[in-house]
Amino acid sequence: MTVWRVISADFSSSPLSAEGARRLGGRWNPPGVAVLYTASTEALAYLERFVHVGPELKDSPHLMLKIEVPEHGGIVSIERKHLPTSWKAVPVPPAVQAIGGRWASEGTAITMIVPSVISDSDRNILLNAAHPEYRKVRVLRKRPFIYDPRMWKFTAT
């Protein structure tokens, strides 16, 4: 399976690190659970990162990663109909974080496919960094990436 991720160029030496999500938690994982957030498409990876950066970082160098995930690590897929109605809320409801926490602690699948908050038709792909198959995850391509300046014209300054 091929997935995509945008990272700050500052993290180019550890592009598959799940340390940030482990320390801070995220929509699909509580703090303490190491999960790598990726996207099903390059465009979604672009948008998922964009919603987390401010205009002060618009010229900051980033990297677009094309990542290969082992085929035999198992997949869990979560459908919207099985989520709490508040799953898109900010701050993230603990019940949503618990979904990823359970998946990661069970360790039966390296991959969990979840709905994107940003796009109803796209999916995020979470990777369980504690899964034995995670060591086989590979960056296939890493290229410089800077946001198109037009992305910033409607943001607050």
Protein backbone atom coordinates (compact mmCIF):
# COMPACT_ATOMS: atom_id res chain seq x y z
CA MET A 1 0.00 0.00 0.00
CA THR A 2 1.26 3.48 -0.84
CA VAL A 3 0.49 6.40 1.49
CA TRP A 4 1.54 10.06 1.61
CA ARG A 5 2.77 12.44 4.30
CA VAL A 6 4.02 16.04 4.47
CA ILE A 7 6.60 16.86 7.12
CA SER A 8 8.74 19.83 8.04
CA ALA A 9 12.18 19.56 6.45
CA ASP A 10 13.53 19.85 10.02
CA PHE A 11 12.48 16.21 10.49
CA SER A 12 14.09 14.87 7.31
CA SER A 13 16.42 12.60 9.29
CA SER A 14 13.49 10.80 10.97
CA PRO A 15 10.61 10.92 8.46
CA LEU A 16 8.82 7.90 9.93
CA SER A 17 8.98 9.01 13.56
CA ALA A 18 5.67 8.80 15.41
CA GLU A 19 7.12 10.62 18.42
CA GLY A 20 5.01 13.77 18.02
CA ALA A 21 1.75 11.82 18.02
CA ARG A 22 3.01 9.70 20.91
CA ARG A 23 3.83 12.75 23.01
CA LEU A 24 0.83 14.92 22.17
CA GLY A 25 -1.85 12.52 20.98
CA GLY A 26 -4.02 13.27 17.99
CA ARG A 27 -7.55 12.84 16.71
CA TRP A 28 -7.15 9.06 16.54
CA ASN A 29 -4.71 8.36 19.37
CA PRO A 30 -4.33 9.39 23.00
CA PRO A 31 -0.96 10.61 24.30
CA GLY A 32 1.39 7.70 24.89
CA VAL A 33 0.35 5.80 21.74
CA ALA A 34 2.80 6.03 18.82
CA VAL A 35 0.89 6.42 15.55
CA LEU A 36 2.12 7.76 12.21
CA TYR A 37 -0.53 9.85 10.43
CA THR A 38 -0.55 9.51 6.66
CA ALA A 39 -3.04 10.11 3.86
CA SER A 40 -4.49 8.06 1.03
CA THR A 41 -3.56 10.69 -1.57
CA GLU A 42 -0.88 13.28 -2.09
CA ALA A 43 -3.51 16.05 -2.17
CA LEU A 44 -4.99 14.99 1.16
CA ALA A 45 -1.52 14.87 2.75
CA TYR A 46 -1.06 18.47 1.53
CA LEU A 47 -4.35 19.59 3.12
CA GLU A 48 -3.94 17.64 6.34
CA ARG A 49 -0.62 19.36 6.99
CA PHE A 50 -1.93 22.74 5.83
CA VAL A 51 -4.59 22.87 8.56
CA HIS A 52 -1.85 22.54 11.17
CA VAL A 53 0.53 25.26 9.97
CA GLY A 54 0.16 29.00 10.33
CA PRO A 55 0.99 31.73 7.83
CA GLU A 56 4.33 32.28 9.56
CA LEU A 57 5.39 28.89 8.18
CA LYS A 58 4.20 29.44 4.61
CA ASP A 59 7.75 29.67 3.26
CA SER A 60 9.14 27.03 5.56
CA PRO A 61 10.60 24.05 3.69
CA HIS A 62 8.62 20.85 3.88
CA LEU A 63 8.99 17.41 2.35
CA MET A 64 6.40 15.32 0.56
CA LEU A 65 6.87 11.65 1.37
CA LYS A 66 5.66 8.71 -0.65
CA ILE A 67 5.63 5.76 1.76
CA GLU A 68 5.28 2.03 1.23
CA VAL A 69 3.44 0.03 3.90
CA PRO A 70 3.86 -3.77 4.06
CA GLU A 71 0.95 -5.66 2.50
CA HIS A 72 0.89 -8.36 5.19
CA GLY A 73 0.55 -6.19 8.27
CA GLY A 74 -3.24 -6.21 8.39
CA ILE A 75 -5.80 -3.46 7.94
CA VAL A 76 -8.64 -2.18 10.11
CA SER A 77 -11.12 0.19 8.51
CA ILE A 78 -13.40 2.52 10.49
CA GLU A 79 -16.58 3.77 8.83
CA ARG A 80 -18.30 7.06 9.72
CA LYS A 81 -21.49 5.25 10.74
CA HIS A 82 -19.55 3.60 13.59
CA LEU A 83 -18.20 6.87 14.98
CA PRO A 84 -19.65 9.15 17.64
CA THR A 85 -21.58 12.05 16.11
CA SER A 86 -18.98 14.42 17.61
CA TRP A 87 -15.99 12.71 15.96
CA LYS A 88 -14.98 15.89 14.08
CA ALA A 89 -15.12 18.12 17.18
CA VAL A 90 -12.27 20.27 18.48
CA PRO A 91 -10.99 19.53 21.02
CA VAL A 92 -11.00 15.88 20.01
CA PRO A 93 -13.41 13.76 22.03
CA PRO A 94 -11.64 11.14 24.17
CA ALA A 95 -13.96 8.49 22.71
CA VAL A 96 -12.42 9.10 19.27
CA GLN A 97 -8.88 8.90 20.61
CA ALA A 98 -9.84 5.67 22.37
CA ILE A 99 -10.68 4.06 19.01
CA GLY A 100 -7.08 4.41 17.89
CA GLY A 101 -5.76 3.55 21.31
CA ARG A 102 -7.63 0.22 21.27
CA TRP A 103 -6.51 -0.56 17.71
CA ALA A 104 -2.86 0.15 18.53
CA SER A 105 -2.87 -1.79 21.80
CA GLU A 106 -4.52 -4.84 20.19
CA GLY A 107 -1.65 -4.91 17.67
CA THR A 108 -3.54 -7.03 15.14
CA ALA A 109 -3.06 -4.60 12.23
CA ILE A 110 -0.35 -2.14 11.27
CA THR A 111 -2.86 0.01 9.36
CA MET A 112 -6.09 1.71 10.42
CA ILE A 113 -8.04 3.50 7.70
CA VAL A 114 -10.21 6.34 9.02
CA PRO A 115 -12.35 9.11 7.54
CA SER A 116 -10.73 12.48 6.91
CA VAL A 117 -12.20 15.43 8.79
CA ILE A 118 -11.26 17.67 5.87
CA SER A 119 -12.67 15.66 2.98
CA ASP A 120 -15.73 13.42 3.07
CA SER A 121 -14.45 11.34 0.17
CA ASP A 122 -10.86 10.81 1.37
CA ARG A 123 -9.28 8.64 4.03
CA ASN A 124 -6.39 8.98 6.42
CA ILE A 125 -4.15 5.99 6.94
CA LEU A 126 -2.74 5.53 10.43
CA LEU A 127 0.26 3.30 11.02
CA ASN A 128 0.88 1.60 14.35
CA ALA A 129 4.54 2.31 15.13
CA ALA A 130 4.57 -0.47 17.75
CA HIS A 131 3.45 -3.14 15.26
CA PRO A 132 6.18 -5.66 14.28
CA GLU A 133 5.67 -4.88 10.56
CA TYR A 134 6.37 -1.17 11.13
CA ARG A 135 10.10 -1.81 10.69
CA LYS A 136 9.31 -2.69 7.07
CA VAL A 137 7.67 0.67 6.32
CA ARG A 138 9.82 2.50 3.76
CA VAL A 139 10.02 5.98 2.32
CA LEU A 140 9.97 5.46 -1.44
CA ARG A 141 10.43 9.09 -2.35
CA LYS A 142 11.18 12.30 -0.47
CA ARG A 143 10.96 15.57 -2.36
CA PRO A 144 11.06 19.25 -1.37
CA PHE A 145 7.66 20.80 -0.94
CA ILE A 146 6.54 24.40 -0.43
CA TYR A 147 2.91 25.41 -0.25
CA ASP A 148 1.53 27.17 -3.29
CA PRO A 149 1.30 30.88 -2.34
CA ARG A 150 -2.37 30.93 -3.40
CA MET A 151 -3.18 28.68 -0.42
CA TRP A 152 -2.51 31.60 1.91
CA LYS A 153 -4.62 34.36 0.40
CA PHE A 154 -7.68 33.57 2.49
CA THR A 155 -5.95 32.91 5.81
CA ALA A 156 -5.81 35.32 8.70
CA THR A 157 -2.58 37.27 9.02
